[in-house]
Amino acid sequence: MMYDFNADEVFEMAEKIEINGANFYRNASGNISDPKSKQLLEELAAMEDEHLKTFSEMRRQLTDKEKETMVFDPENETVAYLRALADIRVFFEKEIDTSSMEEILKDAIVAEKDSIVFYLGIKEMVSDEKGKHRIDKIIKEEMGHIRLLSKELVNLNKK
């Protein structure tokens, strides 16, 4: 079955990914005793919360044309498919190696990279008139996360 997405469906998925990301960081934070590391993870969770707000606002501002369904989908299978992908592909429930902050950061970088790859793939499925340009903002936000996480990982390894 071929799926064709509109911007509204992609933003719904982006919201889910940000919720999953915030949960990922909060769960990791709960397993860390070092106050500085715990604070960093809580700040990352807060950033995910802010991205959720950003994406929710972007979704709210979509035009009716951008929200139009590309294919006949009376059972909302496309949205269910996107939700499943968001749950499984990015920040999925997995065992987080909390033996060190280094391992948590590495897991987070992988998840953020996966989110970018995911959004790049989705971007190809959204036509220009359906809001393709809006996906670029999501990708830039996730790239910012990778820069921050990488910087923290480098700083951690300098110690």
Protein backbone atom coordinates (compact mmCIF):
# COMPACT_ATOMS: atom_id res chain seq x y z
CA MET A 1 0.00 0.00 0.00
CA MET A 2 1.35 3.43 -0.92
CA TYR A 3 0.96 6.21 1.62
CA ASP A 4 0.78 9.86 0.67
CA PHE A 5 0.94 12.37 3.51
CA ASN A 6 -0.12 15.94 3.93
CA ALA A 7 1.57 18.48 6.21
CA ASP A 8 -1.07 18.08 8.93
CA GLU A 9 -0.33 14.36 9.25
CA VAL A 10 3.42 14.98 9.31
CA PHE A 11 3.07 17.60 12.03
CA GLU A 12 0.92 15.22 14.06
CA MET A 13 3.76 12.73 13.83
CA ALA A 14 6.32 15.41 14.72
CA GLU A 15 4.32 16.15 17.86
CA LYS A 16 4.40 12.47 18.81
CA ILE A 17 8.15 12.25 18.20
CA GLU A 18 8.73 15.27 20.46
CA ILE A 19 6.58 13.70 23.20
CA ASN A 20 8.58 10.48 22.88
CA GLY A 21 11.84 12.47 22.96
CA ALA A 22 10.86 14.31 26.14
CA ASN A 23 9.95 10.98 27.75
CA PHE A 24 13.30 9.51 26.63
CA TYR A 25 15.24 12.32 28.34
CA ARG A 26 13.09 12.30 31.47
CA ASN A 27 13.46 8.54 31.85
CA ALA A 28 17.23 8.82 31.40
CA SER A 29 17.34 11.65 33.93
CA GLY A 30 15.56 9.51 36.49
CA ASN A 31 18.39 6.98 36.33
CA ILE A 32 21.26 9.45 36.76
CA SER A 33 22.59 10.57 40.12
CA ASP A 34 25.05 13.27 38.97
CA PRO A 35 23.22 16.60 39.44
CA LYS A 36 24.87 18.29 36.43
CA SER A 37 24.05 15.41 34.09
CA LYS A 38 20.54 15.17 35.49
CA GLN A 39 20.04 18.89 34.83
CA LEU A 40 21.26 18.54 31.24
CA LEU A 41 18.81 15.72 30.56
CA GLU A 42 15.96 17.68 32.11
CA GLU A 43 16.89 20.68 29.95
CA LEU A 44 16.86 18.45 26.87
CA ALA A 45 13.40 17.20 27.85
CA ALA A 46 12.29 20.82 28.21
CA MET A 47 13.66 21.56 24.71
CA GLU A 48 11.58 18.69 23.34
CA ASP A 49 8.57 20.19 25.12
CA GLU A 50 9.28 23.53 23.44
CA HIS A 51 9.59 21.84 20.05
CA LEU A 52 6.24 20.17 20.69
CA LYS A 53 4.74 23.62 21.24
CA THR A 54 6.42 24.91 18.08
CA PHE A 55 5.17 22.04 15.95
CA SER A 56 1.69 22.24 17.46
CA GLU A 57 1.55 25.93 16.57
CA MET A 58 2.84 25.24 13.06
CA ARG A 59 0.17 22.58 12.69
CA ARG A 60 -2.50 24.95 13.94
CA GLN A 61 -1.48 27.50 11.29
CA LEU A 62 -1.79 25.10 8.38
CA THR A 63 -4.19 26.15 5.67
CA ASP A 64 -7.17 24.01 4.77
CA LYS A 65 -5.41 23.10 1.51
CA GLU A 66 -2.36 21.81 3.43
CA LYS A 67 -4.66 19.67 5.59
CA GLU A 68 -6.38 18.02 2.64
CA THR A 69 -6.00 14.29 2.40
CA MET A 70 -4.11 13.15 -0.65
CA VAL A 71 -5.86 9.78 -0.93
CA PHE A 72 -9.21 8.29 0.03
CA ASP A 73 -8.70 7.03 3.60
CA PRO A 74 -12.05 6.57 5.37
CA GLU A 75 -10.54 4.42 8.14
CA ASN A 76 -7.71 6.90 8.89
CA GLU A 77 -5.12 4.20 8.20
CA THR A 78 -2.56 6.77 7.10
CA VAL A 79 -2.65 8.56 10.45
CA ALA A 80 -2.48 5.25 12.32
CA TYR A 81 0.52 4.27 10.18
CA LEU A 82 2.27 7.57 10.96
CA ARG A 83 1.61 7.23 14.67
CA ALA A 84 3.07 3.73 14.67
CA LEU A 85 6.15 4.92 12.80
CA ALA A 86 6.64 7.79 15.23
CA ASP A 87 6.39 5.42 18.18
CA ILE A 88 8.66 2.76 16.75
CA ARG A 89 11.20 4.54 14.59
CA VAL A 90 12.27 7.52 16.70
CA PHE A 91 12.76 7.56 20.46
CA PHE A 92 11.16 4.15 20.66
CA GLU A 93 10.84 2.39 23.98
CA LYS A 94 14.11 0.63 24.55
CA GLU A 95 16.55 -0.19 27.26
CA ILE A 96 18.66 2.88 27.86
CA ASP A 97 22.21 2.21 28.94
CA THR A 98 22.39 4.43 32.02
CA SER A 99 25.75 3.11 33.11
CA SER A 100 27.24 6.41 32.00
CA MET A 101 26.21 9.80 30.74
CA GLU A 102 28.30 9.07 27.67
CA GLU A 103 26.06 6.13 26.70
CA ILE A 104 22.90 8.19 27.25
CA LEU A 105 24.25 10.96 25.01
CA LYS A 106 25.22 8.45 22.33
CA ASP A 107 21.72 6.93 22.39
CA ALA A 108 20.20 10.40 22.19
CA ILE A 109 22.37 11.37 19.21
CA VAL A 110 21.32 8.21 17.37
CA ALA A 111 17.64 8.94 18.07
CA GLU A 112 17.99 12.54 16.89
CA LYS A 113 19.76 11.40 13.71
CA ASP A 114 16.99 8.87 13.14
CA SER A 115 14.42 11.63 13.50
CA ILE A 116 16.19 13.70 10.83
CA VAL A 117 16.36 10.74 8.45
CA PHE A 118 12.71 10.05 9.17
CA TYR A 119 11.68 13.64 8.42
CA LEU A 120 13.78 13.70 5.25
CA GLY A 121 11.95 10.59 4.07
CA ILE A 122 8.56 12.01 4.95
CA LYS A 123 9.48 15.30 3.26
CA GLU A 124 9.75 13.43 -0.02
CA MET A 125 6.18 12.20 0.38
CA VAL A 126 4.69 15.66 0.91
CA SER A 127 4.10 17.80 -2.17
CA ASP A 128 5.09 21.47 -2.29
CA GLU A 129 1.48 22.60 -2.23
CA LYS A 130 0.76 20.36 0.77
CA GLY A 131 3.35 22.10 2.95
CA LYS A 132 6.64 20.41 2.09
CA HIS A 133 8.56 23.58 2.97
CA ARG A 134 7.35 23.36 6.56
CA ILE A 135 9.19 20.07 7.11
CA ASP A 136 12.51 21.90 6.74
CA LYS A 137 11.86 23.73 10.02
CA ILE A 138 11.46 20.41 11.83
CA ILE A 139 14.73 19.13 10.38
CA LYS A 140 16.61 22.28 11.47
CA GLU A 141 15.28 21.92 15.02
CA GLU A 142 16.51 18.33 15.24
CA MET A 143 19.90 19.30 13.81
CA GLY A 144 20.21 21.79 16.66
CA HIS A 145 19.69 18.94 19.12
CA ILE A 146 22.50 16.94 17.55
CA ARG A 147 24.88 19.91 17.77
CA LEU A 148 24.08 20.34 21.46
CA LEU A 149 24.36 16.64 22.27
CA SER A 150 27.62 16.29 20.33
CA LYS A 151 29.11 19.27 22.13
CA GLU A 152 28.15 17.77 25.48
CA LEU A 153 29.63 14.40 24.48
CA VAL A 154 32.93 16.03 23.42
CA ASN A 155 33.05 18.02 26.68
CA LEU A 156 32.35 14.89 28.67
CA ASN A 157 35.19 13.04 26.97
CA LYS A 158 37.62 15.91 27.70
CA LYS A 159 37.20 15.41 31.43
